[in-house]
């Protein structure tokens, strides 16, 4: 097999592996973004809960 034929044969395989890996990385970043948003919401809810409990939590007569 000549070098040109070999590189033309190899090119689709290389492109396929690069495209699939970039899709995988995009999926990881999407999952990380959703996890980060949920984590921030949970931390804010926890901070509000702690501040309410330290401050008295309402009208306890």
Protein backbone atom coordinates (compact mmCIF):
# COMPACT_ATOMS: atom_id res chain seq x y z
CA UNK A 1 0.00 0.00 0.00
CA UNK A 2 1.39 3.38 -0.92
CA UNK A 3 1.70 6.08 1.78
CA UNK A 4 -0.97 8.28 0.16
CA UNK A 5 -3.48 5.43 0.08
CA UNK A 6 -2.70 4.57 3.69
CA UNK A 7 -3.21 8.13 4.89
CA UNK A 8 -6.49 8.43 2.97
CA UNK A 9 -7.59 5.19 4.60
CA UNK A 10 -6.55 6.40 8.06
CA UNK A 11 -8.12 9.87 7.81
CA UNK A 12 -11.80 8.86 8.35
CA UNK A 13 -10.86 6.82 11.43
CA UNK A 14 -8.93 9.68 12.97
CA UNK A 15 -11.72 12.18 12.25
CA UNK A 16 -14.30 9.83 13.75
CA UNK A 17 -12.33 9.43 16.95
CA UNK A 18 -11.86 13.19 17.30
CA UNK A 19 -15.54 13.91 16.72
CA UNK A 20 -16.76 11.28 19.17
CA UNK A 21 -14.33 12.43 21.86
CA UNK A 22 -15.44 16.04 21.50
CA UNK A 23 -19.06 14.90 21.90
CA UNK A 24 -18.06 13.06 25.05
CA UNK A 25 -16.32 16.15 26.41
CA UNK A 26 -19.38 18.27 25.60
CA UNK A 27 -21.54 15.80 27.53
CA UNK A 28 -19.21 15.96 30.52
CA UNK A 29 -19.35 19.75 30.55
CA UNK A 30 -23.15 19.73 30.28
CA UNK A 31 -23.38 17.32 33.19
CA UNK A 32 -20.93 19.44 35.16
CA UNK A 33 -22.94 22.59 34.50
CA UNK A 34 -26.18 20.98 35.71
CA UNK A 35 -24.44 19.55 38.75
CA UNK A 36 -22.95 22.97 39.53
CA UNK A 37 -26.33 24.71 39.25
CA UNK A 38 -27.97 22.15 41.53
CA UNK A 39 -25.08 22.44 44.00
CA UNK A 40 -25.33 26.23 44.14
CA UNK A 41 -29.09 26.09 44.72
CA UNK A 42 -28.61 23.54 47.52
CA UNK A 43 -25.88 25.62 49.19
CA UNK A 44 -28.03 28.77 49.06
CA UNK A 45 -30.98 26.86 50.55
CA UNK A 46 -28.72 25.52 53.32
CA UNK A 47 -27.39 29.00 54.11
CA UNK A 48 -30.94 30.40 54.31
CA UNK A 49 -31.99 27.50 56.56
CA UNK A 50 -29.05 28.05 58.92
CA UNK A 51 -29.58 31.84 59.08
CA UNK A 52 -33.28 31.36 59.88
CA UNK A 53 -32.51 28.88 62.64
CA UNK A 54 -29.81 31.10 64.19
CA UNK A 55 -32.04 34.17 63.98
CA UNK A 56 -34.93 32.57 65.85
CA UNK A 57 -36.81 31.07 62.95
CA UNK A 58 -39.94 33.18 63.23
CA UNK A 59 -42.43 34.20 65.90
CA UNK A 60 -42.01 31.78 68.78
CA UNK A 61 -43.93 33.36 71.64
